[in-house]
């Protein structure tokens, strides 16, 4: 992996998955195409995975927990939040606040869409598995066969 690709991957992780922005910051001339292209490269995928897995492991985040949280948002359950205001000059916390809120309709619909896709409720394609032998029979007479 080149230093430029490593910079792209680090930026991609830092900005929470915006490939175009990461490519722009890494100096690619066509950021949108380069970002998508870089994400397809196995060395970059492996590097990103190696950097993000320890973070997720440390947080003990599992797929089940993510789905539970999405469902919580989708069904309008109360969410807890935390906010703090820090003085950037002194680095002192000036205000800390805990609060509760419910996601707005737009975010609830988005969460429902994500959940529905995960449960494959909205698939346009159907996956079909067939076992055995398929035989095609050509028994339709041609128009010339009537003579």
N, C-alpha and C. Protein backbone atom coordinates (compact mmCIF):
# COMPACT_ATOMS: atom_id res chain seq x y z
N UNK A 1 0.86 -1.18 0.00
CA UNK A 1 0.00 0.00 0.00
C UNK A 1 0.90 1.24 0.00
N UNK A 2 0.54 2.21 -0.81
CA UNK A 2 1.34 3.43 -0.90
C UNK A 2 1.04 4.35 0.28
N UNK A 3 1.93 5.28 0.57
CA UNK A 3 1.65 6.25 1.65
C UNK A 3 0.35 7.04 1.39
N UNK A 4 0.10 7.35 0.13
CA UNK A 4 -1.12 8.10 -0.23
C UNK A 4 -2.36 7.25 0.09
N UNK A 5 -2.30 5.96 -0.21
CA UNK A 5 -3.42 5.06 0.07
C UNK A 5 -3.62 4.91 1.58
N UNK A 6 -2.52 4.84 2.32
CA UNK A 6 -2.60 4.74 3.78
C UNK A 6 -3.24 6.01 4.35
N UNK A 7 -2.83 7.18 3.82
CA UNK A 7 -3.42 8.45 4.26
C UNK A 7 -4.92 8.45 3.97
N UNK A 8 -5.29 7.97 2.76
CA UNK A 8 -6.71 7.88 2.40
C UNK A 8 -7.45 7.02 3.42
N UNK A 9 -6.90 5.83 3.72
CA UNK A 9 -7.57 4.91 4.65
C UNK A 9 -7.70 5.52 6.04
N UNK A 10 -6.66 6.19 6.51
CA UNK A 10 -6.73 6.84 7.83
C UNK A 10 -7.79 7.93 7.85
N UNK A 11 -7.87 8.71 6.78
CA UNK A 11 -8.89 9.76 6.69
C UNK A 11 -10.29 9.15 6.60
N UNK A 12 -10.41 8.06 5.87
CA UNK A 12 -11.69 7.37 5.73
C UNK A 12 -12.20 6.94 7.11
N UNK A 13 -11.30 6.41 7.93
CA UNK A 13 -11.67 5.98 9.28
C UNK A 13 -12.00 7.19 10.14
N UNK A 14 -11.17 8.23 10.04
CA UNK A 14 -11.34 9.42 10.88
C UNK A 14 -12.65 10.15 10.59
N UNK A 15 -13.05 10.21 9.30
CA UNK A 15 -14.28 10.94 8.98
C UNK A 15 -15.50 10.03 8.90
N UNK A 16 -15.40 8.87 9.50
CA UNK A 16 -16.52 7.94 9.66
C UNK A 16 -17.09 7.42 8.35
N UNK A 17 -16.20 7.17 7.39
CA UNK A 17 -16.63 6.47 6.18
C UNK A 17 -16.97 7.31 4.98
N UNK A 18 -16.50 8.54 4.89
CA UNK A 18 -16.76 9.35 3.70
C UNK A 18 -15.57 9.20 2.76
N UNK A 19 -15.70 8.32 1.75
CA UNK A 19 -14.60 8.01 0.84
C UNK A 19 -14.21 9.20 -0.03
N UNK A 20 -15.18 9.98 -0.48
CA UNK A 20 -14.88 11.13 -1.32
C UNK A 20 -14.07 12.17 -0.56
N UNK A 21 -14.48 12.47 0.65
CA UNK A 21 -13.76 13.43 1.47
C UNK A 21 -12.36 12.93 1.80
N UNK A 22 -12.23 11.64 2.09
CA UNK A 22 -10.92 11.06 2.39
C UNK A 22 -10.00 11.15 1.19
N UNK A 23 -10.53 10.88 0.00
CA UNK A 23 -9.73 10.95 -1.23
C UNK A 23 -9.31 12.39 -1.52
N UNK A 24 -10.21 13.33 -1.27
CA UNK A 24 -9.89 14.74 -1.48
C UNK A 24 -8.74 15.16 -0.55
N UNK A 25 -8.84 14.79 0.73
CA UNK A 25 -7.80 15.15 1.69
C UNK A 25 -6.48 14.45 1.40
N UNK A 26 -6.56 13.27 0.78
CA UNK A 26 -5.34 12.53 0.44
C UNK A 26 -4.70 13.04 -0.85
N UNK A 27 -5.39 13.95 -1.55
CA UNK A 27 -4.80 14.58 -2.72
C UNK A 27 -5.13 13.94 -4.05
N UNK A 28 -6.17 13.13 -4.12
CA UNK A 28 -6.57 12.53 -5.39
C UNK A 28 -7.26 13.58 -6.26
N UNK A 29 -6.99 13.54 -7.56
CA UNK A 29 -7.53 14.54 -8.49
C UNK A 29 -9.03 14.36 -8.73
N UNK A 30 -9.49 13.12 -8.75
CA UNK A 30 -10.92 12.83 -8.94
C UNK A 30 -11.39 12.08 -7.69
N UNK A 31 -11.73 12.83 -6.63
CA UNK A 31 -11.98 12.20 -5.34
C UNK A 31 -13.11 11.18 -5.30
N UNK A 32 -14.21 11.43 -5.98
CA UNK A 32 -15.34 10.51 -5.90
C UNK A 32 -14.97 9.16 -6.49
N UNK A 33 -14.42 9.16 -7.70
CA UNK A 33 -14.03 7.91 -8.35
C UNK A 33 -12.88 7.23 -7.61
N UNK A 34 -11.91 8.01 -7.18
CA UNK A 34 -10.75 7.44 -6.48
C UNK A 34 -11.14 6.84 -5.14
N UNK A 35 -12.06 7.50 -4.45
CA UNK A 35 -12.52 6.96 -3.17
C UNK A 35 -13.19 5.61 -3.33
N UNK A 36 -14.09 5.52 -4.31
CA UNK A 36 -14.77 4.24 -4.57
C UNK A 36 -13.77 3.17 -5.00
N UNK A 37 -12.85 3.56 -5.86
CA UNK A 37 -11.84 2.61 -6.36
C UNK A 37 -10.95 2.11 -5.22
N UNK A 38 -10.52 3.02 -4.36
CA UNK A 38 -9.66 2.62 -3.24
C UNK A 38 -10.35 1.64 -2.31
N UNK A 39 -11.64 1.82 -2.10
CA UNK A 39 -12.36 0.93 -1.19
C UNK A 39 -12.51 -0.49 -1.75
N UNK A 40 -12.26 -0.65 -3.04
CA UNK A 40 -12.33 -1.98 -3.66
C UNK A 40 -11.00 -2.73 -3.58
N UNK A 41 -9.93 -2.03 -3.23
CA UNK A 41 -8.60 -2.64 -3.22
C UNK A 41 -8.39 -3.45 -1.94
N UNK A 42 -8.09 -4.75 -2.09
CA UNK A 42 -7.91 -5.62 -0.92
C UNK A 42 -6.91 -5.11 0.13
N UNK A 43 -5.75 -4.56 -0.26
CA UNK A 43 -4.84 -4.09 0.79
C UNK A 43 -5.43 -2.95 1.63
N UNK A 44 -6.20 -2.08 0.99
CA UNK A 44 -6.83 -0.97 1.71
C UNK A 44 -7.95 -1.50 2.59
N UNK A 45 -8.74 -2.44 2.07
CA UNK A 45 -9.81 -3.05 2.87
C UNK A 45 -9.22 -3.72 4.11
N UNK A 46 -8.13 -4.46 3.91
CA UNK A 46 -7.49 -5.17 5.02
C UNK A 46 -6.96 -4.17 6.06
N UNK A 47 -6.36 -3.08 5.60
CA UNK A 47 -5.82 -2.07 6.51
C UNK A 47 -6.95 -1.42 7.32
N UNK A 48 -8.03 -1.03 6.64
CA UNK A 48 -9.16 -0.40 7.33
C UNK A 48 -9.75 -1.37 8.37
N UNK A 49 -9.89 -2.63 7.98
CA UNK A 49 -10.42 -3.63 8.91
C UNK A 49 -9.49 -3.80 10.11
N UNK A 50 -8.18 -3.81 9.85
CA UNK A 50 -7.23 -4.00 10.95
C UNK A 50 -7.24 -2.82 11.92
N UNK A 51 -7.57 -1.63 11.42
CA UNK A 51 -7.61 -0.45 12.27
C UNK A 51 -8.94 -0.31 13.02
N UNK A 52 -10.03 -0.77 12.42
CA UNK A 52 -11.34 -0.58 13.05
C UNK A 52 -11.77 -1.73 13.95
N UNK A 53 -11.33 -2.94 13.67
CA UNK A 53 -11.71 -4.08 14.50
C UNK A 53 -11.34 -3.91 15.97
N UNK A 54 -10.11 -3.46 16.27
CA UNK A 54 -9.77 -3.29 17.70
C UNK A 54 -10.66 -2.26 18.40
N UNK A 55 -11.05 -1.23 17.67
CA UNK A 55 -11.93 -0.20 18.26
C UNK A 55 -13.28 -0.81 18.60
N UNK A 56 -13.83 -1.57 17.66
CA UNK A 56 -15.13 -2.20 17.89
C UNK A 56 -15.03 -3.25 19.00
N UNK A 57 -13.91 -3.96 19.02
CA UNK A 57 -13.70 -4.97 20.06
C UNK A 57 -13.62 -4.31 21.44
N UNK A 58 -12.91 -3.19 21.49
CA UNK A 58 -12.77 -2.46 22.75
C UNK A 58 -14.13 -1.96 23.23
N UNK A 59 -14.95 -1.53 22.30
CA UNK A 59 -16.28 -1.05 22.65
C UNK A 59 -17.26 -2.19 22.89
N UNK A 60 -16.85 -3.39 22.54
CA UNK A 60 -17.70 -4.58 22.68
C UNK A 60 -18.98 -4.45 21.85
N UNK A 61 -18.82 -3.89 20.65
CA UNK A 61 -19.97 -3.71 19.77
C UNK A 61 -20.14 -4.97 18.93
N UNK A 62 -21.35 -5.51 18.93
CA UNK A 62 -21.64 -6.67 18.10
C UNK A 62 -22.76 -6.32 17.13
N UNK A 63 -22.93 -7.16 16.14
CA UNK A 63 -24.01 -6.93 15.18
C UNK A 63 -25.37 -6.92 15.84
N UNK A 64 -25.56 -7.79 16.82
CA UNK A 64 -26.85 -7.84 17.53
C UNK A 64 -27.13 -6.52 18.24
N UNK A 65 -26.10 -5.93 18.85
CA UNK A 65 -26.30 -4.67 19.56
C UNK A 65 -26.65 -3.55 18.59
N UNK A 66 -26.01 -3.57 17.42
CA UNK A 66 -26.31 -2.54 16.41
C UNK A 66 -27.76 -2.67 15.95
N UNK A 67 -28.19 -3.89 15.67
CA UNK A 67 -29.58 -4.11 15.25
C UNK A 67 -30.55 -3.70 16.36
N UNK A 68 -30.23 -4.02 17.61
CA UNK A 68 -31.08 -3.62 18.73
C UNK A 68 -31.21 -2.10 18.81
N UNK A 69 -30.10 -1.41 18.62
CA UNK A 69 -30.13 0.06 18.69
C UNK A 69 -30.92 0.65 17.53
N UNK A 70 -30.74 0.09 16.33
CA UNK A 70 -31.52 0.56 15.17
C UNK A 70 -33.01 0.33 15.42
N UNK A 71 -33.36 -0.82 15.97
CA UNK A 71 -34.77 -1.11 16.27
C UNK A 71 -35.30 -0.14 17.33
N UNK A 72 -34.49 0.19 18.29
CA UNK A 72 -34.89 1.12 19.34
C UNK A 72 -35.23 2.49 18.74
N UNK A 73 -34.40 2.93 17.82
CA UNK A 73 -34.65 4.22 17.15
C UNK A 73 -35.89 4.11 16.26
N UNK A 74 -35.97 3.02 15.50
CA UNK A 74 -37.08 2.83 14.55
C UNK A 74 -38.43 2.86 15.24
N UNK A 75 -38.53 2.28 16.43
CA UNK A 75 -39.81 2.18 17.12
C UNK A 75 -40.03 3.29 18.13
N UNK A 76 -39.21 4.34 18.05
CA UNK A 76 -39.44 5.55 18.83
C UNK A 76 -39.19 5.44 20.31
N UNK A 77 -38.32 4.54 20.70
CA UNK A 77 -38.00 4.43 22.12
C UNK A 77 -37.13 5.61 22.54
N UNK A 78 -37.20 5.96 23.80
CA UNK A 78 -36.44 7.09 24.33
C UNK A 78 -34.95 6.76 24.31
N UNK A 79 -34.16 7.67 23.77
CA UNK A 79 -32.70 7.53 23.69
C UNK A 79 -32.07 8.45 24.73
N UNK A 80 -30.97 8.01 25.30
CA UNK A 80 -30.25 8.84 26.25
C UNK A 80 -29.08 9.51 25.54
N UNK A 81 -28.83 10.76 25.89
CA UNK A 81 -27.73 11.51 25.29
C UNK A 81 -26.88 12.18 26.35
N UNK A 82 -25.71 12.58 25.93
CA UNK A 82 -24.77 13.25 26.83
C UNK A 82 -24.08 14.34 26.03
N UNK A 83 -23.93 15.49 26.63
CA UNK A 83 -23.29 16.61 25.95
C UNK A 83 -22.42 17.35 26.96
N UNK A 84 -21.32 17.89 26.46
CA UNK A 84 -20.51 18.73 27.35
C UNK A 84 -19.90 19.86 26.53
N UNK A 85 -19.75 20.99 27.20
CA UNK A 85 -19.16 22.17 26.60
C UNK A 85 -17.79 22.36 27.25
N UNK A 86 -16.75 22.41 26.40
CA UNK A 86 -15.39 22.54 26.91
C UNK A 86 -14.79 23.84 26.43
N UNK A 87 -14.12 24.55 27.33
CA UNK A 87 -13.40 25.76 26.97
C UNK A 87 -12.12 25.32 26.27
N UNK A 88 -11.97 25.68 25.01
CA UNK A 88 -10.82 25.24 24.23
C UNK A 88 -9.51 25.89 24.67
N UNK A 89 -9.59 27.02 25.33
CA UNK A 89 -8.38 27.69 25.80
C UNK A 89 -7.82 27.02 27.05
N UNK A 90 -8.71 26.69 27.98
CA UNK A 90 -8.26 26.11 29.25
C UNK A 90 -8.47 24.60 29.31
N UNK A 91 -9.19 24.06 28.33
CA UNK A 91 -9.52 22.64 28.26
C UNK A 91 -10.35 22.19 29.47
N UNK A 92 -11.07 23.11 30.09
CA UNK A 92 -11.93 22.79 31.23
C UNK A 92 -13.36 22.60 30.76
N UNK A 93 -14.03 21.65 31.37
CA UNK A 93 -15.44 21.41 31.06
C UNK A 93 -16.26 22.48 31.76
N UNK A 94 -17.02 23.24 30.95
CA UNK A 94 -17.84 24.32 31.50
C UNK A 94 -19.26 23.87 31.81
N UNK A 95 -19.74 22.88 31.05
CA UNK A 95 -21.12 22.45 31.22
C UNK A 95 -21.23 20.99 30.78
N UNK A 96 -21.86 20.17 31.62
CA UNK A 96 -22.15 18.78 31.27
C UNK A 96 -23.65 18.58 31.39
N UNK A 97 -24.20 17.82 30.44
CA UNK A 97 -25.64 17.66 30.45
C UNK A 97 -26.02 16.27 29.93
N UNK A 98 -26.91 15.60 30.62
CA UNK A 98 -27.50 14.35 30.16
C UNK A 98 -28.95 14.67 29.79
N UNK A 99 -29.41 14.03 28.74
CA UNK A 99 -30.77 14.30 28.30
C UNK A 99 -31.38 13.07 27.65
N UNK A 100 -32.68 13.09 27.48
CA UNK A 100 -33.41 12.03 26.80
C UNK A 100 -34.15 12.64 25.62
N UNK A 101 -34.22 11.87 24.55
CA UNK A 101 -34.96 12.35 23.37
C UNK A 101 -35.46 11.16 22.57
N UNK A 102 -36.39 11.43 21.70
CA UNK A 102 -36.91 10.43 20.78
C UNK A 102 -36.58 10.88 19.37
N UNK A 103 -36.16 9.95 18.53
CA UNK A 103 -35.79 10.29 17.16
C UNK A 103 -36.98 10.90 16.42
N UNK A 104 -36.68 11.84 15.53
CA UNK A 104 -37.75 12.44 14.74
C UNK A 104 -38.22 11.45 13.67
N UNK A 105 -39.29 11.79 12.99
CA UNK A 105 -39.91 10.89 12.01
C UNK A 105 -38.94 10.49 10.91
N UNK A 106 -38.17 11.45 10.41
CA UNK A 106 -37.22 11.15 9.33
C UNK A 106 -36.21 10.09 9.76
N UNK A 107 -35.64 10.24 10.95
CA UNK A 107 -34.66 9.28 11.44
C UNK A 107 -35.29 7.94 11.80
N UNK A 108 -36.52 7.96 12.26
CA UNK A 108 -37.22 6.71 12.55
C UNK A 108 -37.48 5.94 11.26
N UNK A 109 -37.89 6.65 10.20
CA UNK A 109 -38.12 6.00 8.91
C UNK A 109 -36.83 5.43 8.35
N UNK A 110 -35.74 6.16 8.49
CA UNK A 110 -34.44 5.68 8.02
C UNK A 110 -34.05 4.42 8.78
N UNK A 111 -34.24 4.41 10.09
CA UNK A 111 -33.93 3.22 10.90
C UNK A 111 -34.80 2.04 10.49
N UNK A 112 -36.08 2.30 10.21
CA UNK A 112 -36.97 1.23 9.75
C UNK A 112 -36.51 0.67 8.41
N UNK A 113 -36.06 1.55 7.53
CA UNK A 113 -35.56 1.11 6.22
C UNK A 113 -34.33 0.22 6.39
N UNK A 114 -33.40 0.63 7.24
CA UNK A 114 -32.19 -0.16 7.49
C UNK A 114 -32.57 -1.52 8.08
N UNK A 115 -33.47 -1.51 9.03
CA UNK A 115 -33.91 -2.75 9.67
C UNK A 115 -34.62 -3.65 8.66
N UNK A 116 -35.47 -3.06 7.83
CA UNK A 116 -36.17 -3.83 6.80
C UNK A 116 -35.23 -4.46 5.80
N UNK A 117 -34.19 -3.71 5.39
CA UNK A 117 -33.20 -4.27 4.47
C UNK A 117 -32.44 -5.41 5.14
N UNK A 118 -32.11 -5.24 6.41
CA UNK A 118 -31.40 -6.29 7.13
C UNK A 118 -32.25 -7.56 7.20
N UNK A 119 -33.53 -7.40 7.40
CA UNK A 119 -34.44 -8.55 7.47
C UNK A 119 -34.90 -9.02 6.09
N UNK A 120 -34.39 -8.40 5.05
CA UNK A 120 -34.69 -8.71 3.65
C UNK A 120 -36.18 -8.63 3.35
N UNK A 121 -36.81 -7.59 3.89
CA UNK A 121 -38.23 -7.38 3.64
C UNK A 121 -38.50 -6.69 2.31
N UNK A 122 -37.50 -5.99 1.79
CA UNK A 122 -37.71 -5.17 0.60
C UNK A 122 -36.87 -5.64 -0.57
N UNK A 123 -36.58 -6.91 -0.68
CA UNK A 123 -35.71 -7.37 -1.75
C UNK A 123 -36.44 -7.34 -3.09
N UNK A 124 -35.74 -6.85 -4.09
CA UNK A 124 -36.26 -6.85 -5.45
C UNK A 124 -35.94 -8.17 -6.14
N UNK A 125 -34.90 -8.84 -5.67
CA UNK A 125 -34.48 -10.10 -6.25
C UNK A 125 -34.81 -11.21 -5.27
N UNK A 126 -35.05 -12.36 -5.81
CA UNK A 126 -35.26 -13.54 -4.98
C UNK A 126 -34.12 -14.52 -5.24
N UNK A 127 -33.58 -15.05 -4.19
CA UNK A 127 -32.57 -16.08 -4.34
C UNK A 127 -33.26 -17.42 -4.32
N UNK A 128 -32.99 -18.21 -5.36
CA UNK A 128 -33.62 -19.52 -5.49
C UNK A 128 -32.52 -20.55 -5.60
N UNK A 129 -32.62 -21.60 -4.83
CA UNK A 129 -31.66 -22.70 -4.93
C UNK A 129 -32.40 -23.91 -5.47
N UNK A 130 -31.86 -24.45 -6.55
CA UNK A 130 -32.48 -25.61 -7.18
C UNK A 130 -31.47 -26.75 -7.12
N UNK A 131 -31.94 -27.88 -6.70
CA UNK A 131 -31.08 -29.06 -6.72
C UNK A 131 -31.68 -30.06 -7.69
N UNK A 132 -30.84 -30.82 -8.31
CA UNK A 132 -31.32 -31.80 -9.27
C UNK A 132 -30.94 -31.38 -10.67
N UNK A 133 -31.53 -32.03 -11.63
CA UNK A 133 -31.20 -31.80 -13.03
C UNK A 133 -32.33 -31.02 -13.70
N UNK A 134 -31.95 -30.04 -14.48
CA UNK A 134 -32.93 -29.26 -15.23
C UNK A 134 -32.86 -29.71 -16.68
N UNK A 135 -34.01 -30.06 -17.27
CA UNK A 135 -34.06 -30.51 -18.66
C UNK A 135 -34.95 -29.55 -19.43
N UNK A 136 -34.42 -29.03 -20.52
CA UNK A 136 -35.20 -28.16 -21.39
C UNK A 136 -35.70 -28.99 -22.56
N UNK A 137 -37.00 -28.92 -22.82
CA UNK A 137 -37.60 -29.69 -23.91
C UNK A 137 -38.08 -28.70 -24.95
N UNK A 138 -37.62 -28.91 -26.18
CA UNK A 138 -38.01 -28.05 -27.29
C UNK A 138 -39.12 -28.78 -28.05
N UNK A 139 -40.36 -28.60 -27.59
CA UNK A 139 -41.47 -29.30 -28.24
C UNK A 139 -42.45 -28.35 -28.92
N UNK A 140 -42.01 -27.14 -29.18
CA UNK A 140 -42.85 -26.18 -29.86
C UNK A 140 -42.59 -26.33 -31.36
N UNK A 141 -43.63 -26.64 -32.13
CA UNK A 141 -43.41 -26.84 -33.59
C UNK A 141 -43.09 -25.52 -34.28
N UNK A 142 -42.21 -25.58 -35.23
CA UNK A 142 -41.89 -24.42 -36.05
C UNK A 142 -43.00 -24.24 -37.07
N UNK A 143 -43.16 -23.03 -37.57
CA UNK A 143 -44.22 -22.75 -38.55
C UNK A 143 -43.99 -23.54 -39.84
N UNK A 144 -42.74 -23.81 -40.20
CA UNK A 144 -42.41 -24.52 -41.44
C UNK A 144 -42.77 -26.00 -41.35
N UNK A 145 -42.99 -26.53 -40.13
CA UNK A 145 -43.26 -27.95 -39.96
C UNK A 145 -44.69 -28.32 -40.41
N UNK A 146 -45.54 -27.34 -40.72
CA UNK A 146 -46.94 -27.61 -41.10
C UNK A 146 -47.06 -28.16 -42.51
N UNK A 147 -46.07 -28.05 -43.33
CA UNK A 147 -46.16 -28.48 -44.75
C UNK A 147 -46.38 -29.92 -44.91
